[in-house]
C-alpha atoms as a PDB file:
ATOM      1  CA  MET A   1     -56.006-136.350  63.600  1.00  0.00           C
ATOM      2  CA  MET A   2     -52.544-137.479  63.421  1.00  0.00           C
ATOM      3  CA  THR A   3     -50.393-136.513  60.542  1.00  0.00           C
ATOM      4  CA  PRO A   4     -49.580-139.399  58.260  1.00  0.00           C
ATOM      5  CA  LEU A   5     -45.812-140.521  58.759  1.00  0.00           C
ATOM      6  CA  PRO A   6     -43.420-142.269  56.561  1.00  0.00           C
ATOM      7  CA  ALA A   7     -43.121-146.001  57.198  1.00  0.00           C
ATOM      8  CA  ALA A   8     -41.253-147.075  60.221  1.00  0.00           C
ATOM      9  CA  PRO A   9     -37.762-148.622  59.722  1.00  0.00           C
ATOM     10  CA  ARG A  10     -37.369-152.240  60.450  1.00  0.00           C
ATOM     11  CA  VAL A  11     -34.966-151.424  63.382  1.00  0.00           C
ATOM     12  CA  PHE A  12     -34.971-147.930  65.204  1.00  0.00           C
ATOM     13  CA  ALA A  13     -31.451-146.941  66.209  1.00  0.00           C
ATOM     14  CA  ILE A  14     -31.218-146.578  70.009  1.00  0.00           C
ATOM     15  CA  THR A  15     -29.092-143.373  70.908  1.00  0.00           C
ATOM     16  CA  PRO A  16     -28.460-142.062  74.469  1.00  0.00           C
ATOM     17  CA  GLU A  17     -31.321-139.368  73.627  1.00  0.00           C
ATOM     18  CA  ARG A  18     -33.630-142.233  72.658  1.00  0.00           C
ATOM     19  CA  ARG A  19     -33.012-144.423  75.635  1.00  0.00           C
ATOM     20  CA  ALA A  20     -33.110-141.622  78.071  1.00  0.00           C
ATOM     21  CA  LEU A  21     -36.791-141.290  76.647  1.00  0.00           C
ATOM     22  CA  LEU A  22     -37.562-144.786  76.727  1.00  0.00           C
ATOM     23  CA  ASN A  23     -36.197-144.930  80.454  1.00  0.00           C
ATOM     24  CA  THR A  24     -38.514-141.884  81.315  1.00  0.00           C
ATOM     25  CA  ILE A  25     -41.478-143.584  79.940  1.00  0.00           C
ATOM     26  CA  ARG A  26     -40.870-146.488  82.235  1.00  0.00           C
ATOM     27  CA  TYR A  27     -40.231-144.054  85.164  1.00  0.00           C
ATOM     28  CA  ALA A  28     -43.453-142.443  84.326  1.00  0.00           C
ATOM     29  CA  GLU A  29     -45.424-145.581  83.796  1.00  0.00           C
ATOM     30  CA  GLY A  30     -44.006-147.121  87.075  1.00  0.00           C
ATOM     31  CA  THR A  31     -42.032-149.951  85.425  1.00  0.00           C
ATOM     32  CA  TRP A  32     -38.494-148.291  85.917  1.00  0.00           C
ATOM     33  CA  ALA A  33     -37.631-151.150  88.439  1.00  0.00           C
ATOM     34  CA  ASN A  34     -34.034-149.361  88.738  1.00  0.00           C
ATOM     35  CA  GLY A  35     -33.472-150.180  85.271  1.00  0.00           C
ATOM     36  CA  GLN A  36     -33.618-153.936  85.433  1.00  0.00           C
ATOM     37  CA  GLU A  37     -34.992-156.298  83.131  1.00  0.00           C
ATOM     38  CA  VAL A  38     -38.028-157.352  85.321  1.00  0.00           C
ATOM     39  CA  GLY A  39     -39.669-153.916  84.296  1.00  0.00           C
ATOM     40  CA  TYR A  40     -40.360-155.577  81.015  1.00  0.00           C
ATOM     41  CA  ARG A  41     -42.486-158.080  82.946  1.00  0.00           C
ATOM     42  CA  ILE A  42     -44.827-155.901  84.906  1.00  0.00           C
ATOM     43  CA  LEU A  43     -48.589-156.050  84.418  1.00  0.00           C
ATOM     44  CA  PHE A  44     -50.976-153.226  85.083  1.00  0.00           C
ATOM     45  CA  GLY A  45     -51.183-153.035  88.959  1.00  0.00           C
ATOM     46  CA  GLY A  46     -47.696-154.200  89.563  1.00  0.00           C
ATOM     47  CA  SER A  47     -47.599-157.970  89.540  1.00  0.00           C
ATOM     48  CA  LEU A  48     -45.452-160.158  86.977  1.00  0.00           C
ATOM     49  CA  PHE A  49     -45.909-162.252  84.402  1.00  0.00           C
ATOM     50  CA  ASP A  50     -43.669-165.121  83.232  1.00  0.00           C
ATOM     51  CA  SER A  51     -43.445-165.619  79.453  1.00  0.00           C
ATOM     52  CA  LEU A  52     -41.924-163.000  76.941  1.00  0.00           C
ATOM     53  CA  ASP A  53     -43.087-164.956  73.950  1.00  0.00           C
ATOM     54  CA  ARG A  54     -46.116-162.748  73.517  1.00  0.00           C
ATOM     55  CA  HIS A  55     -48.205-160.021  75.126  1.00  0.00           C
ATOM     56  CA  PRO A  56     -49.876-161.560  78.172  1.00  0.00           C
ATOM     57  CA  ASN A  57     -53.394-160.036  77.350  1.00  0.00           C
ATOM     58  CA  ARG A  58     -54.458-160.420  80.956  1.00  0.00           C
ATOM     59  CA  VAL A  59     -56.964-157.907  82.561  1.00  0.00           C
ATOM     60  CA  MET A  60     -55.709-156.747  85.882  1.00  0.00           C
ATOM     61  CA  ARG A  61     -58.007-154.787  88.399  1.00  0.00           C
ATOM     62  CA  THR A  62     -57.145-152.258  90.970  1.00  0.00           C
ATOM     63  CA  ALA A  63     -59.441-150.318  93.252  1.00  0.00           C
ATOM     64  CA  ARG A  64     -60.195-147.845  90.364  1.00  0.00           C
ATOM     65  CA  TYR A  65     -59.192-149.132  87.101  1.00  0.00           C
ATOM     66  CA  ALA A  66     -58.963-152.265  85.011  1.00  0.00           C
ATOM     67  CA  SER A  67     -56.504-152.764  82.323  1.00  0.00           C
ATOM     68  CA  ALA A  68     -54.632-155.250  80.346  1.00  0.00           C
ATOM     69  CA  ALA A  69     -51.698-152.954  79.943  1.00  0.00           C
ATOM     70  CA  ALA A  70     -48.314-154.978  80.220  1.00  0.00           C
ATOM     71  CA  GLY A  71     -44.582-154.601  79.854  1.00  0.00           C
ATOM     72  CA  ALA A  72     -42.037-151.832  80.352  1.00  0.00           C
ATOM     73  CA  TYR A  73     -44.273-149.380  78.367  1.00  0.00           C
ATOM     74  CA  GLN A  74     -47.747-150.735  79.679  1.00  0.00           C
ATOM     75  CA  PHE A  75     -48.846-151.894  76.016  1.00  0.00           C
ATOM     76  CA  MET A  76     -52.582-152.615  75.464  1.00  0.00           C
ATOM     77  CA  PRO A  77     -53.332-155.496  73.496  1.00  0.00           C
ATOM     78  CA  PHE A  78     -54.820-153.781  70.721  1.00  0.00           C
ATOM     79  CA  THR A  79     -51.828-151.399  70.458  1.00  0.00           C
ATOM     80  CA  TRP A  80     -49.203-154.300  70.528  1.00  0.00           C
ATOM     81  CA  ASP A  81     -51.042-156.013  67.861  1.00  0.00           C
ATOM     82  CA  MET A  82     -51.072-152.837  65.664  1.00  0.00           C
ATOM     83  CA  VAL A  83     -47.100-152.389  66.224  1.00  0.00           C
ATOM     84  CA  THR A  84     -46.238-156.090  65.559  1.00  0.00           C
ATOM     85  CA  ARG A  85     -48.179-155.924  62.488  1.00  0.00           C
ATOM     86  CA  ALA A  86     -46.468-152.738  61.297  1.00  0.00           C
ATOM     87  CA  MET A  87     -42.831-153.767  62.331  1.00  0.00           C
ATOM     88  CA  GLY A  88     -42.848-157.719  62.066  1.00  0.00           C
ATOM     89  CA  ILE A  89     -41.960-157.946  65.927  1.00  0.00           C
ATOM     90  CA  PRO A  90     -41.427-161.707  66.872  1.00  0.00           C
ATOM     91  CA  ASP A  91     -41.925-161.627  70.484  1.00  0.00           C
ATOM     92  CA  PHE A  92     -42.534-159.512  73.751  1.00  0.00           C
ATOM     93  CA  GLY A  93     -38.791-159.409  74.796  1.00  0.00           C
ATOM     94  CA  PRO A  94     -36.944-156.306  75.947  1.00  0.00           C
ATOM     95  CA  GLU A  95     -35.622-155.517  72.572  1.00  0.00           C
ATOM     96  CA  SER A  96     -39.105-155.860  70.970  1.00  0.00           C
ATOM     97  CA  GLN A  97     -40.793-153.679  73.598  1.00  0.00           C
ATOM     98  CA  ASP A  98     -38.129-150.967  73.031  1.00  0.00           C
ATOM     99  CA  GLN A  99     -38.669-150.863  69.288  1.00  0.00           C
ATOM    100  CA  ALA A 100     -42.385-150.883  69.558  1.00  0.00           C
ATOM    101  CA  ALA A 101     -42.183-147.846  72.029  1.00  0.00           C
ATOM    102  CA  LEU A 102     -39.956-145.927  69.466  1.00  0.00           C
ATOM    103  CA  PHE A 103     -42.577-146.739  66.896  1.00  0.00           C
ATOM    104  CA  LEU A 104     -45.288-145.240  69.066  1.00  0.00           C
ATOM    105  CA  VAL A 105     -43.054-142.003  69.589  1.00  0.00           C
ATOM    106  CA  GLN A 106     -42.473-141.893  65.725  1.00  0.00           C
ATOM    107  CA  ARG A 107     -46.044-142.488  65.206  1.00  0.00           C
ATOM    108  CA  ARG A 108     -47.046-139.351  67.555  1.00  0.00           C
ATOM    109  CA  GLY A 109     -44.843-137.169  65.529  1.00  0.00           C
ATOM    110  CA  ALA A 110     -42.239-136.981  68.557  1.00  0.00           C
ATOM    111  CA  LEU A 111     -39.198-138.787  67.306  1.00  0.00           C
ATOM    112  CA  HIS A 112     -37.406-135.721  66.045  1.00  0.00           C
ATOM    113  CA  LEU A 113     -38.111-133.944  69.359  1.00  0.00           C
ATOM    114  CA  ALA A 114     -36.777-136.872  71.185  1.00  0.00           C
ATOM    115  CA  ASP A 115     -33.453-136.743  69.284  1.00  0.00           C
ATOM    116  CA  ARG A 116     -32.865-133.127  70.519  1.00  0.00           C
ATOM    117  CA  GLY A 117     -31.716-134.433  73.999  1.00  0.00           C
ATOM    118  CA  GLU A 118     -34.614-132.366  75.840  1.00  0.00           C
ATOM    119  CA  LEU A 119     -37.779-133.306  77.443  1.00  0.00           C
ATOM    120  CA  SER A 120     -39.806-130.209  76.376  1.00  0.00           C
ATOM    121  CA  PRO A 121     -43.539-129.534  77.110  1.00  0.00           C
ATOM    122  CA  ASP A 122     -44.204-130.174  73.461  1.00  0.00           C
ATOM    123  CA  LEU A 123     -42.619-133.665  73.643  1.00  0.00           C
ATOM    124  CA  ALA A 124     -44.591-134.605  76.674  1.00  0.00           C
ATOM    125  CA  ALA A 125     -47.662-133.454  75.270  1.00  0.00           C
ATOM    126  CA  ARG A 126     -47.343-135.348  72.131  1.00  0.00           C
ATOM    127  CA  LEU A 127     -46.775-138.558  74.129  1.00  0.00           C
ATOM    128  CA  ALA A 128     -49.568-137.872  76.712  1.00  0.00           C
ATOM    129  CA  PRO A 129     -52.222-139.650  74.281  1.00  0.00           C
ATOM    130  CA  GLU A 130     -50.065-142.783  74.025  1.00  0.00           C
ATOM    131  CA  TRP A 131     -49.014-142.681  77.755  1.00  0.00           C
ATOM    132  CA  ALA A 132     -51.494-141.353  80.317  1.00  0.00           C
ATOM    133  CA  SER A 133     -48.820-140.687  82.945  1.00  0.00           C
ATOM    134  CA  PHE A 134     -47.604-137.896  80.666  1.00  0.00           C
ATOM    135  CA  PRO A 135     -48.693-134.490  81.236  1.00  0.00           C
ATOM    136  CA  THR A 136     -50.671-132.434  78.470  1.00  0.00           C
ATOM    137  CA  LEU A 137     -49.613-128.907  77.860  1.00  0.00           C
ATOM    138  CA  ALA A 138     -52.296-128.207  80.774  1.00  0.00           C
ATOM    139  CA  GLY A 139     -50.327-130.495  83.006  1.00  0.00           C
ATOM    140  CA  ARG A 140     -53.076-133.127  83.219  1.00  0.00           C
ATOM    141  CA  SER A 141     -53.389-136.720  81.957  1.00  0.00           C
ATOM    142  CA  PHE A 142     -54.895-136.980  78.618  1.00  0.00           C
ATOM    143  CA  TYR A 143     -57.298-139.735  80.008  1.00  0.00           C
ATOM    144  CA  GLY A 144     -57.787-138.225  83.378  1.00  0.00           C
ATOM    145  CA  GLN A 145     -55.642-140.795  85.240  1.00  0.00           C
ATOM    146  CA  PRO A 146     -52.695-139.917  87.627  1.00  0.00           C
ATOM    147  CA  VAL A 147     -50.073-137.985  85.933  1.00  0.00           C
ATOM    148  CA  LYS A 148     -46.223-137.369  86.541  1.00  0.00           C
ATOM    149  CA  ARG A 149     -45.429-133.789  86.736  1.00  0.00           C
ATOM    150  CA  LEU A 150     -43.284-132.358  83.975  1.00  0.00           C
ATOM    151  CA  ASN A 151     -40.573-131.145  86.231  1.00  0.00           C
ATOM    152  CA  ASP A 152     -40.150-134.676  87.786  1.00  0.00           C
ATOM    153  CA  LEU A 153     -40.059-136.139  84.400  1.00  0.00           C
ATOM    154  CA  ARG A 154     -37.623-133.736  83.234  1.00  0.00           C
ATOM    155  CA  ARG A 155     -35.222-134.240  86.260  1.00  0.00           C
ATOM    156  CA  PHE A 156     -35.229-137.955  85.828  1.00  0.00           C
ATOM    157  CA  TYR A 157     -34.633-137.791  82.009  1.00  0.00           C
ATOM    158  CA  GLU A 158     -31.736-135.209  82.418  1.00  0.00           C
ATOM    159  CA  GLN A 159     -30.019-137.266  84.965  1.00  0.00           C
ATOM    160  CA  ASN A 160     -30.317-140.336  82.785  1.00  0.00           C
ATOM    161  CA  LEU A 161     -29.364-139.018  79.679  1.00  0.00           C
ATOM    162  CA  ALA A 162     -26.076-137.479  81.394  1.00  0.00           C
ATOM    163  CA  GLN A 163     -25.269-140.930  82.738  1.00  0.00           C
ATOM    164  CA  LEU A 164     -25.849-142.503  79.212  1.00  0.00           C
ATOM    165  CA  ARG A 165     -23.745-140.115  77.260  1.00  0.00           C
ATOM    166  CA  ASN A 166     -20.940-140.534  79.932  1.00  0.00           C
ATOM    167  CA  GLU A 167     -21.109-144.233  79.503  1.00  0.00           C
ATOM    168  CA  ALA A 168     -21.189-143.732  75.556  1.00  0.00           C
ATOM    169  CA  ALA A 169     -18.168-141.487  75.758  1.00  0.00           C
ATOM    170  CA  ALA A 170     -16.429-144.178  77.909  1.00  0.00           C
ATOM    171  CA  VAL A 171     -17.145-146.749  75.397  1.00  0.00           C
ATOM    172  CA  TRP A 172     -15.557-144.785  72.493  1.00  0.00           C
ATOM    173  CA  GLU A 173     -12.709-143.770  74.438  1.00  0.00           C
ATOM    174  CA  ASP A 174     -12.051-147.540  75.289  1.00  0.00           C
ATOM    175  CA  VAL A 175     -12.592-148.301  71.553  1.00  0.00           C
ATOM    176  CA  ALA A 176      -9.890-145.612  70.563  1.00  0.00           C
ATOM    177  CA  ILE A 177      -7.411-147.081  72.993  1.00  0.00           C
ATOM    178  CA  ARG A 178      -7.769-150.543  71.592  1.00  0.00           C
ATOM    179  CA  GLN A 179      -6.992-149.292  68.103  1.00  0.00           C
ATOM    180  CA  LEU A 180      -3.727-147.553  69.239  1.00  0.00           C
ATOM    181  CA  PRO A 181      -0.630-149.420  67.752  1.00  0.00           C
ATOM    182  CA  PRO A 182       1.087-151.729  70.219  1.00  0.00           C
ATOM    183  CA  ALA A 183       4.022-150.258  72.270  1.00  0.00           C
ATOM    184  CA  CYS A 184       7.362-151.306  70.776  1.00  0.00           C
ATOM    185  CA  ASN A 185       9.148-153.092  73.339  1.00  0.00           C
ATOM    186  CA  ASP A 186      11.700-155.300  71.798  1.00  0.00           C
ATOM    187  CA  SER A 187      15.603-154.582  70.603  1.00  0.00           C
ATOM    188  CA  SER A 188      14.928-154.874  66.965  1.00  0.00           C
ATOM    189  CA  LEU A 189      16.100-152.373  64.434  1.00  0.00           C
ATOM    190  CA  SER A 190      12.558-151.317  63.603  1.00  0.00           C
ATOM    191  CA  CYS A 191      11.930-150.539  67.312  1.00  0.00           C
ATOM    192  CA  GLN A 192      15.082-148.514  67.699  1.00  0.00           C
ATOM    193  CA  LEU A 193      14.202-146.499  64.501  1.00  0.00           C
ATOM    194  CA  GLU A 194      10.653-145.949  65.909  1.00  0.00           C
ATOM    195  CA  ARG A 195      12.030-144.429  69.087  1.00  0.00           C
ATOM    196  CA  VAL A 196      14.273-141.885  67.200  1.00  0.00           C
ATOM    197  CA  GLY A 197      11.198-140.512  65.401  1.00  0.00           C
ATOM    198  CA  GLY A 198      10.627-142.229  62.193  1.00  0.00           C
ATOM    199  CA  PRO A 199       9.071-145.630  61.042  1.00  0.00           C
ATOM    200  CA  SER A 200      11.328-148.176  60.051  1.00  0.00           C
ATOM    201  CA  THR A 201      12.230-148.830  56.232  1.00  0.00           C
ATOM    202  CA  ALA A 202      13.935-152.111  57.321  1.00  0.00           C
ATOM    203  CA  PRO A 203      12.794-155.076  55.480  1.00  0.00           C
END
Protein backbone atom coordinates (compact mmCIF):
# COMPACT_ATOMS: atom_id res chain seq x y z
CA MET A 1 0.00 0.00 0.00
CA MET A 2 1.44 3.36 -1.01
CA THR A 3 2.00 6.02 1.63
CA PRO A 4 -0.30 9.05 1.15
CA LEU A 5 1.62 11.93 -0.36
CA PRO A 6 1.10 15.69 -0.28
CA ALA A 7 -0.94 17.17 -3.10
CA ALA A 8 1.08 17.57 -6.28
CA PRO A 9 2.14 21.07 -7.29
CA ARG A 10 0.48 22.50 -10.36
CA VAL A 11 3.82 22.42 -12.16
CA PHE A 12 6.92 20.40 -11.30
CA ALA A 13 10.25 22.13 -11.77
CA ILE A 14 12.42 20.18 -14.21
CA THR A 15 16.02 20.15 -13.02
CA PRO A 16 18.86 18.34 -14.81
CA GLU A 17 18.43 15.48 -12.32
CA ARG A 18 14.72 15.16 -13.03
CA ARG A 19 15.20 15.51 -16.78
CA ALA A 20 17.85 12.78 -16.70
CA LEU A 21 15.41 10.47 -14.95
CA LEU A 22 12.66 11.28 -17.44
CA ASN A 23 15.03 10.56 -20.30
CA THR A 24 16.06 7.29 -18.66
CA ILE A 25 12.42 6.23 -18.37
CA ARG A 26 12.05 6.92 -22.08
CA TYR A 27 15.19 4.90 -22.76
CA ALA A 28 13.86 2.00 -20.69
CA GLU A 29 10.42 2.15 -22.33
CA GLY A 30 11.84 2.26 -25.87
CA THR A 31 10.67 5.81 -26.62
CA TRP A 32 13.96 7.69 -26.28
CA ALA A 33 14.26 8.21 -30.06
CA ASN A 34 17.60 10.01 -29.56
CA GLY A 35 15.79 12.64 -27.51
CA GLN A 36 13.54 13.70 -30.38
CA GLU A 37 9.96 14.83 -29.89
CA VAL A 38 8.70 11.90 -31.99
CA GLY A 39 9.18 9.80 -28.84
CA TYR A 40 6.12 11.49 -27.38
CA ARG A 41 4.02 10.05 -30.22
CA ILE A 42 4.90 6.37 -29.86
CA LEU A 43 2.23 3.74 -29.28
CA PHE A 44 2.89 0.38 -27.63
CA GLY A 45 4.61 -1.75 -30.25
CA GLY A 46 6.40 1.16 -31.92
CA SER A 47 3.93 2.73 -34.33
CA LEU A 48 3.10 6.43 -34.17
CA PHE A 49 -0.05 8.47 -33.58
CA ASP A 50 -0.69 11.96 -34.92
CA SER A 51 -2.67 14.15 -32.54
CA LEU A 52 -1.30 15.27 -29.18
CA ASP A 53 -4.66 16.74 -28.17
CA ARG A 54 -5.48 13.71 -26.02
CA HIS A 55 -4.35 10.20 -25.14
CA PRO A 56 -5.01 8.06 -28.25
CA ASN A 57 -6.52 5.20 -26.18
CA ARG A 58 -5.80 2.69 -28.92
CA VAL A 59 -5.06 -0.97 -28.15
CA MET A 60 -2.04 -2.27 -30.06
CA ARG A 61 -0.97 -5.91 -30.27
CA THR A 62 2.35 -7.68 -30.61
CA ALA A 63 3.04 -11.40 -30.76
CA ARG A 64 2.88 -11.68 -26.95
CA TYR A 65 1.14 -8.61 -25.57
CA ALA A 66 -1.71 -6.17 -26.15
CA SER A 67 -1.68 -2.69 -24.64
CA ALA A 68 -3.10 0.80 -25.02
CA ALA A 69 0.06 2.39 -23.57
CA ALA A 70 1.10 5.55 -25.41
CA GLY A 71 3.51 8.45 -25.32
CA ALA A 72 7.05 8.96 -24.11
CA TYR A 73 6.28 7.29 -20.78
CA GLN A 74 3.83 4.71 -22.13
CA PHE A 75 0.84 5.91 -20.14
CA MET A 76 -2.11 3.57 -19.89
CA PRO A 77 -5.45 5.34 -20.46
CA PHE A 78 -6.69 4.87 -16.88
CA THR A 79 -3.38 6.16 -15.49
CA TRP A 80 -3.52 9.18 -17.78
CA ASP A 81 -7.10 9.93 -16.72
CA MET A 82 -6.09 9.79 -13.06
CA VAL A 83 -3.16 12.18 -13.57
CA THR A 84 -5.10 14.66 -15.67
CA ARG A 85 -7.82 14.85 -13.01
CA ALA A 86 -5.21 15.43 -10.30
CA MET A 87 -3.19 18.03 -12.20
CA GLY A 88 -5.61 19.61 -14.64
CA ILE A 89 -3.40 18.72 -17.62
CA PRO A 90 -4.93 20.15 -20.83
CA ASP A 91 -3.51 17.90 -23.55
CA PHE A 92 -1.11 15.06 -24.38
CA GLY A 93 1.76 17.29 -25.51
CA PRO A 94 5.40 16.81 -24.47
CA GLU A 95 5.25 19.22 -21.53
CA SER A 96 2.06 17.59 -20.26
CA GLN A 97 3.60 14.13 -20.54
CA ASP A 98 6.72 15.26 -18.66
CA GLN A 99 4.61 16.72 -15.85
CA ALA A 100 2.47 13.60 -15.64
CA ALA A 101 5.54 11.36 -15.43
CA LEU A 102 6.94 13.44 -12.56
CA PHE A 103 3.56 13.19 -10.83
CA LEU A 104 3.84 9.40 -11.05
CA VAL A 105 7.42 9.49 -9.73
CA GLN A 106 6.20 11.54 -6.77
CA ARG A 107 3.22 9.23 -6.29
CA ARG A 108 5.64 6.32 -5.90
CA GLY A 109 7.52 8.23 -3.19
CA ALA A 110 10.59 8.53 -5.39
CA LEU A 111 10.93 12.22 -6.29
CA HIS A 112 13.30 12.96 -3.41
CA LEU A 113 15.49 10.06 -4.55
CA ALA A 114 15.47 11.39 -8.11
CA ASP A 115 16.66 14.76 -6.84
CA ARG A 116 19.85 13.20 -5.44
CA GLY A 117 21.28 12.73 -8.90
CA GLU A 118 21.80 8.99 -8.58
CA LEU A 119 19.90 6.10 -10.13
CA SER A 120 19.97 3.83 -7.09
CA PRO A 121 18.49 0.32 -6.83
CA ASP A 122 15.86 1.73 -4.44
CA LEU A 123 14.83 4.43 -6.93
CA ALA A 124 14.53 1.90 -9.75
CA ALA A 125 12.55 -0.49 -7.55
CA ARG A 126 10.09 2.22 -6.54
CA LEU A 127 9.43 2.98 -10.19
CA ALA A 128 9.13 -0.69 -11.21
CA PRO A 129 5.38 -0.91 -10.42
CA GLU A 130 4.84 2.14 -12.64
CA TRP A 131 7.16 1.23 -15.52
CA ALA A 132 7.52 -2.47 -16.25
CA SER A 133 10.90 -1.94 -17.91
CA PHE A 134 12.46 -0.88 -14.58
CA PRO A 135 13.91 -3.67 -12.43
CA THR A 136 12.77 -4.54 -8.93
CA LEU A 137 15.40 -5.14 -6.24
CA ALA A 138 15.45 -8.73 -7.49
CA GLY A 139 16.33 -7.49 -10.98
CA ARG A 140 13.05 -8.58 -12.55
CA SER A 141 10.07 -6.74 -14.00
CA PHE A 142 7.27 -6.11 -11.53
CA TYR A 143 4.87 -7.43 -14.20
CA GLY A 144 6.94 -10.27 -15.64
CA GLN A 145 7.68 -8.32 -18.84
CA PRO A 146 11.03 -7.56 -20.51
CA VAL A 147 13.16 -5.44 -18.20
CA LYS A 148 16.29 -3.31 -18.53
CA ARG A 149 19.34 -4.14 -16.42
CA LEU A 150 20.04 -1.58 -13.70
CA ASN A 151 23.64 -1.17 -14.89
CA ASP A 152 22.44 -0.24 -18.38
CA LEU A 153 19.92 2.24 -17.01
CA ARG A 154 22.50 3.73 -14.68
CA ARG A 155 25.03 4.12 -17.50
CA PHE A 156 22.49 5.97 -19.66
CA TYR A 157 21.36 8.09 -16.72
CA GLU A 158 24.87 9.16 -15.69
CA GLN A 159 25.90 10.08 -19.24
CA ASN A 160 22.68 12.00 -19.79
CA LEU A 161 22.90 13.82 -16.46
CA ALA A 162 26.50 14.88 -17.12
CA GLN A 163 25.47 16.31 -20.49
CA LEU A 164 22.47 18.13 -19.00
CA ARG A 165 24.56 19.62 -16.19
CA ASN A 166 27.16 20.82 -18.68
CA GLU A 167 24.45 22.44 -20.78
CA ALA A 168 22.94 24.11 -17.71
CA ALA A 169 26.35 25.42 -16.63
CA ALA A 170 26.94 26.84 -20.11
CA VAL A 171 23.58 28.63 -19.99
CA TRP A 172 24.36 30.20 -16.60
CA GLU A 173 27.80 31.25 -17.83
CA ASP A 174 26.23 32.89 -20.86
CA VAL A 175 23.71 34.71 -18.64
CA ALA A 176 26.53 35.95 -16.39
CA ILE A 177 28.51 37.25 -19.36
CA ARG A 178 25.46 39.06 -20.73
CA GLN A 179 25.00 40.80 -17.39
CA LEU A 180 28.54 42.26 -17.33
CA PRO A 181 28.64 46.03 -17.87
CA PRO A 182 29.58 47.00 -21.42
CA ALA A 183 33.21 47.81 -22.11
CA CYS A 184 34.07 51.51 -22.12
CA ASN A 185 35.50 52.29 -25.56
CA ASP A 186 34.99 56.01 -26.09
CA SER A 187 37.17 58.96 -25.08
CA SER A 188 34.74 60.59 -22.66
CA LEU A 189 35.88 61.80 -19.27
CA SER A 190 33.92 59.02 -17.52
CA CYS A 191 35.68 56.32 -19.57
CA GLN A 192 39.11 57.84 -18.92
CA LEU A 193 38.44 57.91 -15.18
CA GLU A 194 37.21 54.29 -15.27
CA ARG A 195 40.44 53.17 -16.95
CA VAL A 196 42.58 54.62 -14.16
CA GLY A 197 40.71 52.65 -11.54
CA GLY A 198 37.66 54.44 -10.29
CA PRO A 199 34.09 55.19 -11.30
CA SER A 200 33.42 58.61 -12.70
CA THR A 201 31.74 61.23 -10.57
CA ALA A 202 31.43 63.57 -13.54
CA PRO A 203 27.90 64.77 -14.21
